[in-house]
Amino acid sequence: MSAERTKPEFDAPEGPAPSELAIRDIIVGDGAEAKAGDTVTVHYAGVEYETGDEFDSSWNRGESIQFPLRGLIQGWQDGIPGMKVGGRRELVIPPHLAYGPAGSGHFLSGKTLIFIIDLIDVA
């Protein structure tokens, strides 16, 4: 069960950051499949592509988080559907699908982000 997994380790990316969303399944789940518009329960960690610096992690808070996909950055809205409960997926999200170009007002604007997400439940 994905809730029992430990916080993932990030491999240093190689080469330039991708200009489009990159999706890689680390572990393919065998549970219910997430669909656009679902509410998902996940554990996740995120790092900056260029520096590898972690900017957020539900593991650090010691609990999973639940939210509707509609309320998330576009890279999550595009990258989670098709994932199955029990799976672990890596998303590499360019700025235009994350927090926008540099100067957009968010501290992560202009940055390519890498997330590793464990899908625990869908509703």
Protein backbone atom coordinates (compact mmCIF):
# COMPACT_ATOMS: atom_id res chain seq x y z
CA MET A 1 0.00 0.00 0.00
CA SER A 2 1.41 3.37 -0.96
CA ALA A 3 0.63 4.87 2.46
CA GLU A 4 3.33 2.59 3.88
CA ARG A 5 6.04 3.79 1.50
CA THR A 6 8.85 6.01 2.59
CA LYS A 7 9.74 9.40 1.22
CA PRO A 8 11.29 9.06 -2.24
CA GLU A 9 14.83 9.91 -3.21
CA PHE A 10 15.28 12.16 -6.23
CA ASP A 11 17.83 11.34 -8.91
CA ALA A 12 19.69 14.36 -10.25
CA PRO A 13 18.19 15.21 -13.63
CA GLU A 14 20.40 15.03 -16.69
CA GLY A 15 20.40 17.54 -19.49
CA PRO A 16 18.23 20.59 -19.96
CA ALA A 17 14.79 20.82 -18.38
CA PRO A 18 11.99 19.54 -20.65
CA SER A 19 9.73 22.10 -22.28
CA GLU A 20 6.66 19.86 -21.93
CA LEU A 21 5.25 17.75 -19.11
CA ALA A 22 7.25 14.55 -18.57
CA ILE A 23 5.49 11.62 -16.86
CA ARG A 24 7.28 8.52 -15.61
CA ASP A 25 5.70 5.72 -13.60
CA ILE A 26 8.13 4.48 -10.95
CA ILE A 27 5.61 1.97 -9.58
CA VAL A 28 2.40 1.12 -11.45
CA GLY A 29 -0.52 0.83 -9.07
CA ASP A 30 -3.26 -1.77 -9.30
CA GLY A 31 -6.13 0.16 -7.67
CA ALA A 32 -8.72 2.61 -8.96
CA GLU A 33 -7.58 4.92 -11.75
CA ALA A 34 -7.55 8.67 -11.22
CA LYS A 35 -9.59 10.67 -13.71
CA ALA A 36 -9.65 14.38 -14.49
CA GLY A 37 -11.74 16.18 -11.89
CA ASP A 38 -11.30 13.49 -9.19
CA THR A 39 -10.32 14.30 -5.63
CA VAL A 40 -7.05 12.56 -4.86
CA THR A 41 -5.28 11.58 -1.66
CA VAL A 42 -1.52 11.63 -2.14
CA HIS A 43 1.86 11.74 -0.53
CA TYR A 44 4.27 13.88 -2.54
CA ALA A 45 7.59 15.64 -2.55
CA GLY A 46 8.77 18.37 -4.88
CA VAL A 47 12.18 19.69 -5.83
CA GLU A 48 13.45 22.35 -8.20
CA TYR A 49 14.88 20.89 -11.43
CA GLU A 50 17.89 23.19 -11.58
CA THR A 51 19.04 23.02 -7.95
CA GLY A 52 17.49 19.83 -6.58
CA ASP A 53 16.33 21.87 -3.57
CA GLU A 54 13.19 20.50 -1.96
CA PHE A 55 10.41 23.08 -1.67
CA ASP A 56 7.59 20.93 -0.29
CA SER A 57 6.88 17.43 1.00
CA SER A 58 3.84 15.86 2.61
CA TRP A 59 6.19 13.28 4.13
CA ASN A 60 7.86 16.05 6.14
CA ARG A 61 4.45 16.89 7.63
CA GLY A 62 3.85 13.23 8.45
CA GLU A 63 0.50 12.96 6.71
CA SER A 64 -0.96 12.58 3.26
CA ILE A 65 -3.04 15.35 1.73
CA GLN A 66 -6.32 15.29 -0.17
CA PHE A 67 -7.43 17.79 -2.78
CA PRO A 68 -9.45 18.11 -5.98
CA LEU A 69 -7.32 17.95 -9.11
CA ARG A 70 -9.16 20.99 -10.49
CA GLY A 71 -7.55 23.18 -7.84
CA LEU A 72 -3.97 22.18 -8.61
CA ILE A 73 -1.34 23.40 -11.03
CA GLN A 74 -1.89 22.31 -14.63
CA GLY A 75 0.99 19.84 -14.53
CA TRP A 76 -0.80 17.86 -11.81
CA GLN A 77 -4.16 18.15 -13.60
CA ASP A 78 -2.54 16.68 -16.72
CA GLY A 79 -0.12 14.29 -15.00
CA ILE A 80 -2.25 12.49 -12.39
CA PRO A 81 -5.15 11.16 -14.53
CA GLY A 82 -4.42 7.61 -15.64
CA MET A 83 -2.42 6.90 -12.50
CA LYS A 84 -3.71 4.04 -10.35
CA VAL A 85 -4.01 3.84 -6.57
CA GLY A 86 -0.87 2.25 -5.16
CA GLY A 87 1.29 3.83 -7.84
CA ARG A 88 4.25 6.17 -7.60
CA ARG A 89 4.75 8.65 -10.44
CA GLU A 90 7.32 11.28 -11.26
CA LEU A 91 6.19 14.47 -12.95
CA VAL A 92 8.66 16.97 -14.43
CA ILE A 93 6.64 20.15 -14.91
CA PRO A 94 7.87 23.15 -16.93
CA PRO A 95 7.02 26.67 -15.69
CA HIS A 96 4.04 27.22 -18.01
CA LEU A 97 2.30 24.18 -16.46
CA ALA A 98 3.40 25.04 -12.90
CA TYR A 99 3.52 28.56 -11.45
CA GLY A 100 4.05 30.54 -14.65
CA PRO A 101 7.01 32.45 -16.04
CA ALA A 102 9.54 34.23 -13.88
CA GLY A 103 8.03 37.30 -12.25
CA SER A 104 4.51 35.83 -11.90
CA GLY A 105 4.52 36.52 -8.17
CA HIS A 106 4.95 32.96 -6.85
CA PHE A 107 8.34 32.02 -5.39
CA LEU A 108 8.44 29.04 -7.80
CA SER A 109 7.48 31.00 -10.92
CA GLY A 110 9.90 30.50 -13.79
CA LYS A 111 11.10 27.17 -12.39
CA THR A 112 10.80 23.63 -13.71
CA LEU A 113 9.60 21.37 -10.90
CA ILE A 114 9.96 17.66 -10.22
CA PHE A 115 7.33 15.91 -8.11
CA ILE A 116 7.21 12.31 -6.97
CA ILE A 117 3.65 11.40 -6.05
CA ASP A 118 2.21 8.32 -4.36
CA LEU A 119 -1.50 7.93 -5.15
CA ILE A 120 -3.26 6.64 -2.04
CA ASP A 121 -6.94 7.11 -2.95
CA VAL A 122 -9.31 8.67 -5.49
CA ALA A 123 -12.86 9.89 -5.00
